N, C-alpha and C. Protein backbone atom coordinates (compact mmCIF):
# COMPACT_ATOMS: atom_id res chain seq x y z
N MET A 1 107.87 130.08 89.67
CA MET A 1 108.23 129.01 89.11
C MET A 1 106.99 127.85 89.57
N ALA A 2 106.73 127.06 88.82
CA ALA A 2 105.69 126.11 89.00
C ALA A 2 106.52 125.01 89.63
N GLY A 3 105.55 124.21 90.45
CA GLY A 3 106.20 123.13 91.12
C GLY A 3 106.71 122.13 90.12
N HIS A 4 107.36 120.91 90.71
CA HIS A 4 107.60 119.85 89.92
C HIS A 4 107.81 118.55 90.63
N PHE A 5 107.73 117.56 89.91
CA PHE A 5 108.01 116.01 90.37
C PHE A 5 109.47 115.44 90.50
N GLU A 6 109.69 114.90 91.39
CA GLU A 6 111.11 114.30 91.46
C GLU A 6 110.89 112.64 91.47
N ILE A 7 111.76 111.75 91.04
CA ILE A 7 111.70 110.49 91.06
C ILE A 7 112.76 110.08 91.96
N VAL A 8 112.62 109.48 93.20
CA VAL A 8 113.79 109.24 94.16
C VAL A 8 113.83 107.74 94.31
N ASP A 9 114.79 107.21 94.94
CA ASP A 9 114.87 105.69 95.26
C ASP A 9 114.30 105.39 96.52
N ALA A 10 113.60 104.76 96.61
CA ALA A 10 112.69 104.05 97.83
C ALA A 10 113.64 103.39 98.79
N PRO A 11 113.86 103.50 99.75
CA PRO A 11 114.70 102.92 100.90
C PRO A 11 114.44 101.48 100.81
N ASP A 12 113.44 100.85 100.74
CA ASP A 12 113.21 99.68 100.57
C ASP A 12 113.02 98.68 99.07
N GLY A 13 113.65 99.72 98.09
CA GLY A 13 113.88 98.85 96.84
C GLY A 13 112.56 99.83 96.10
N GLY A 14 112.75 99.98 94.78
CA GLY A 14 111.71 100.73 93.91
C GLY A 14 112.01 102.04 94.07
N PHE A 15 110.89 102.83 93.68
CA PHE A 15 111.01 104.50 93.46
C PHE A 15 109.83 104.86 94.10
N ARG A 16 110.00 106.13 94.51
CA ARG A 16 108.70 107.02 95.15
C ARG A 16 108.81 108.35 94.01
N VAL A 17 107.85 108.94 93.89
CA VAL A 17 107.57 110.43 93.11
C VAL A 17 107.18 111.35 94.72
N ARG A 18 108.05 112.48 94.57
CA ARG A 18 107.58 113.57 95.42
C ARG A 18 107.11 114.73 94.53
N LEU A 19 106.25 115.45 94.97
CA LEU A 19 105.92 116.57 94.48
C LEU A 19 106.30 117.65 95.45
N LEU A 20 106.74 118.63 94.67
CA LEU A 20 107.39 119.82 95.38
C LEU A 20 106.90 121.10 94.78
N ASP A 21 106.47 122.01 95.50
CA ASP A 21 105.97 123.44 95.25
C ASP A 21 107.02 124.13 94.54
N GLY A 22 106.91 125.29 94.16
CA GLY A 22 107.68 126.31 93.49
C GLY A 22 108.79 126.67 94.36
N ALA A 23 108.54 126.52 95.66
CA ALA A 23 109.69 127.08 96.59
C ALA A 23 110.42 125.91 97.18
N GLY A 24 110.09 124.69 96.74
CA GLY A 24 111.00 123.40 96.86
C GLY A 24 110.33 122.78 98.23
N THR A 25 109.16 123.16 98.51
CA THR A 25 108.65 122.58 99.69
C THR A 25 107.80 121.22 99.23
N LEU A 26 108.00 120.11 99.82
CA LEU A 26 107.44 118.95 99.71
C LEU A 26 105.87 118.96 100.10
N VAL A 27 105.04 118.53 98.74
CA VAL A 27 103.56 118.61 99.21
C VAL A 27 103.06 117.52 99.35
N ALA A 28 103.68 116.42 98.33
CA ALA A 28 103.22 114.94 98.52
C ALA A 28 104.49 114.04 98.16
N THR A 29 104.21 112.73 98.92
CA THR A 29 105.05 111.36 98.35
C THR A 29 104.10 110.36 98.03
N SER A 30 104.67 109.87 96.98
CA SER A 30 103.85 108.44 96.25
C SER A 30 103.82 107.35 96.93
N VAL A 31 103.03 106.58 96.45
CA VAL A 31 103.29 104.98 96.91
C VAL A 31 104.50 104.44 96.20
N LYS A 32 105.02 103.42 96.59
CA LYS A 32 106.31 102.58 96.06
C LYS A 32 105.81 102.39 94.56
N TYR A 33 106.84 102.56 93.63
CA TYR A 33 106.51 102.00 92.27
C TYR A 33 107.69 101.09 92.11
N PRO A 34 107.58 99.91 91.52
CA PRO A 34 108.65 98.86 91.19
C PRO A 34 109.98 99.42 90.26
N THR A 35 109.40 100.39 89.29
CA THR A 35 110.36 100.61 88.14
C THR A 35 110.24 102.29 88.10
N LYS A 36 111.18 102.66 87.16
CA LYS A 36 111.09 104.23 87.01
C LYS A 36 110.25 104.50 85.99
N GLN A 37 109.77 103.64 85.06
CA GLN A 37 108.88 103.62 84.17
C GLN A 37 107.47 103.43 84.69
N ALA A 38 107.38 102.81 85.54
CA ALA A 38 105.80 102.95 86.54
C ALA A 38 105.79 104.25 87.44
N ALA A 39 106.81 104.84 87.72
CA ALA A 39 106.93 106.09 88.44
C ALA A 39 106.55 107.17 87.56
N VAL A 40 107.19 107.31 86.32
CA VAL A 40 106.72 108.25 85.11
C VAL A 40 105.26 107.96 84.79
N ALA A 41 104.76 106.74 84.72
CA ALA A 41 103.27 106.70 84.32
C ALA A 41 102.16 106.98 85.57
N GLY A 42 102.78 107.03 86.78
CA GLY A 42 102.08 107.48 87.91
C GLY A 42 102.15 108.94 87.87
N ILE A 43 103.34 109.73 87.40
CA ILE A 43 103.15 110.96 87.33
C ILE A 43 102.14 111.26 86.35
N SER A 44 102.26 110.83 85.18
CA SER A 44 101.32 111.26 83.96
C SER A 44 99.69 110.86 84.50
N TYR A 45 99.36 110.09 85.33
CA TYR A 45 98.10 110.02 85.73
C TYR A 45 97.85 110.79 86.95
N THR A 46 98.70 111.11 87.73
CA THR A 46 98.34 112.28 88.72
C THR A 46 98.27 113.40 88.13
N ARG A 47 98.91 114.01 87.04
CA ARG A 47 98.77 115.16 86.33
C ARG A 47 97.26 115.26 85.80
N GLU A 48 96.62 114.06 85.10
CA GLU A 48 95.45 113.97 84.74
C GLU A 48 94.29 114.26 85.87
N ILE A 49 94.45 113.65 86.83
CA ILE A 49 93.55 113.55 88.19
C ILE A 49 93.61 115.07 88.70
N ALA A 50 94.76 115.75 88.68
CA ALA A 50 94.89 116.94 89.67
C ALA A 50 94.22 118.15 88.86
N GLY A 51 94.23 117.90 87.41
CA GLY A 51 93.55 118.90 86.59
C GLY A 51 92.16 118.94 86.63
N THR A 52 91.45 117.43 86.78
CA THR A 52 90.21 117.66 86.65
C THR A 52 89.48 116.91 88.17
N GLY A 53 90.16 116.44 88.83
CA GLY A 53 89.57 115.57 90.02
C GLY A 53 88.67 116.58 90.83
N LEU A 54 87.67 115.95 91.47
CA LEU A 54 86.86 116.71 92.46
C LEU A 54 87.65 116.74 93.78
N ILE A 55 87.32 117.30 94.62
CA ILE A 55 87.72 117.32 96.26
C ILE A 55 86.54 116.61 96.95
N ARG A 56 86.76 115.50 97.54
CA ARG A 56 85.91 114.68 98.26
C ARG A 56 86.35 114.94 99.65
N ASP A 57 85.55 115.10 100.74
CA ASP A 57 85.93 115.59 102.18
C ASP A 57 85.71 114.19 102.79
N MET A 58 86.71 113.39 103.09
CA MET A 58 86.73 112.10 103.77
C MET A 58 87.13 112.32 105.27
N SER A 59 87.28 113.32 105.79
CA SER A 59 87.72 113.65 107.15
C SER A 59 86.37 113.47 108.20
N ARG A 60 86.60 113.37 109.07
CA ARG A 60 85.54 112.84 110.19
C ARG A 60 84.30 113.92 110.29
N GLY A 61 83.49 113.72 109.93
CA GLY A 61 82.34 114.63 109.89
C GLY A 61 81.83 115.07 108.24
N GLY A 62 82.83 114.34 107.41
CA GLY A 62 82.85 115.18 106.02
C GLY A 62 81.80 114.31 104.92
N HIS A 63 81.75 113.02 105.48
CA HIS A 63 80.68 112.22 104.77
C HIS A 63 80.74 112.13 103.34
N GLY A 64 81.99 112.31 102.69
CA GLY A 64 82.41 112.15 101.34
C GLY A 64 81.59 113.20 100.61
N GLU A 65 81.23 114.56 101.21
CA GLU A 65 80.78 115.60 100.60
C GLU A 65 81.77 116.09 99.53
N ILE A 66 81.18 116.66 98.44
CA ILE A 66 82.21 117.29 97.26
C ILE A 66 82.62 118.87 97.79
N ILE A 67 83.54 119.10 97.69
CA ILE A 67 83.84 120.58 98.25
C ILE A 67 84.28 121.24 96.71
N ILE A 68 83.56 122.25 96.42
CA ILE A 68 83.66 123.10 95.39
C ILE A 68 84.39 124.50 95.90
N PRO A 69 85.71 124.90 95.53
CA PRO A 69 86.34 126.25 96.06
C PRO A 69 85.48 127.35 95.38
N LYS A 70 85.06 128.37 96.27
CA LYS A 70 84.39 129.14 96.19
C LYS A 70 84.99 130.00 94.78
N SER A 71 86.27 130.35 94.61
CA SER A 71 86.99 131.00 93.77
C SER A 71 86.79 130.15 92.25
N ARG A 72 86.27 128.94 92.16
CA ARG A 72 86.14 128.42 90.96
C ARG A 72 84.93 127.77 90.93
N ALA A 73 83.82 127.98 91.80
CA ALA A 73 82.47 127.56 91.61
C ALA A 73 81.74 127.79 90.36
N ALA A 74 82.03 128.97 89.62
CA ALA A 74 81.53 129.20 88.54
C ALA A 74 81.85 128.49 87.35
N HIS A 75 82.95 127.87 87.54
CA HIS A 75 83.51 126.95 86.48
C HIS A 75 83.76 125.62 87.05
N ALA A 76 83.04 125.30 87.93
CA ALA A 76 83.22 123.70 88.48
C ALA A 76 82.12 123.02 87.61
N THR A 77 82.57 121.49 87.38
CA THR A 77 81.53 120.65 86.77
C THR A 77 81.83 119.39 87.85
N ALA A 78 80.70 118.79 88.24
CA ALA A 78 80.67 117.87 88.96
C ALA A 78 79.94 116.44 88.20
N ARG A 79 80.71 115.31 87.98
CA ARG A 79 80.04 114.34 87.15
C ARG A 79 79.46 113.32 88.26
N PHE A 80 78.32 112.72 88.27
CA PHE A 80 77.52 111.89 89.14
C PHE A 80 77.09 110.67 88.67
N HIS A 81 77.21 109.68 89.08
CA HIS A 81 76.77 108.54 88.81
C HIS A 81 75.47 108.16 89.56
N SER A 82 74.34 107.34 88.88
CA SER A 82 73.29 107.15 89.43
C SER A 82 73.33 106.12 90.69
N HIS A 83 74.48 105.59 90.96
CA HIS A 83 74.49 104.81 92.21
C HIS A 83 75.24 105.57 93.30
N THR A 84 75.99 106.75 92.95
CA THR A 84 76.60 107.37 93.99
C THR A 84 75.47 108.60 94.67
N ARG A 85 75.77 108.86 95.99
CA ARG A 85 75.26 109.69 96.57
C ARG A 85 76.16 110.96 97.00
N PHE A 86 75.64 112.09 96.85
CA PHE A 86 76.71 113.18 97.13
C PHE A 86 75.31 114.26 97.97
N PRO A 87 75.34 114.03 99.30
CA PRO A 87 74.38 114.79 100.09
C PRO A 87 74.39 116.34 100.03
N ALA A 88 75.64 116.84 100.09
CA ALA A 88 75.61 118.19 100.29
C ALA A 88 76.58 119.06 99.00
N VAL A 89 76.50 118.79 98.14
CA VAL A 89 77.15 119.52 96.96
C VAL A 89 76.35 120.61 97.02
N GLU A 90 77.53 121.65 96.92
CA GLU A 90 76.81 123.13 97.00
C GLU A 90 75.84 123.56 95.83
N ARG A 91 74.88 124.26 96.19
CA ARG A 91 73.97 124.56 94.99
C ARG A 91 74.78 125.38 94.20
N GLY A 92 74.29 125.31 92.77
CA GLY A 92 74.69 125.95 91.80
C GLY A 92 75.67 125.42 91.01
N ALA A 93 76.23 124.15 91.43
CA ALA A 93 77.32 123.48 90.59
C ALA A 93 76.36 122.56 89.76
N ARG A 94 77.18 122.95 88.35
CA ARG A 94 76.47 122.19 87.47
C ARG A 94 76.65 120.67 87.21
N THR A 95 75.78 119.88 87.11
CA THR A 95 75.78 118.43 87.02
C THR A 95 75.89 117.78 85.49
N LEU A 96 76.50 116.74 85.44
CA LEU A 96 76.53 116.01 84.09
C LEU A 96 75.85 114.80 84.15
């Protein structure tokens, strides 16, 4: 079974969204949303990002490099802006 989102009450008011994997293990917790409607909009936005978002390494020593998983490298597409630098994009990644 695929994972799912849960909207839960935030302890200090408002709502949070939890993302659980297919086994029910917590994967991520969102920022606080003021209303359920805002939480649902956040879920929709997250779905869009998760399907197309790049992986950027912002860890110590990562320097914001783009990571393209080897299993998906043939299908990866990276979009670049002229003002953005990506020093270590893997070779073979197509750019638009």
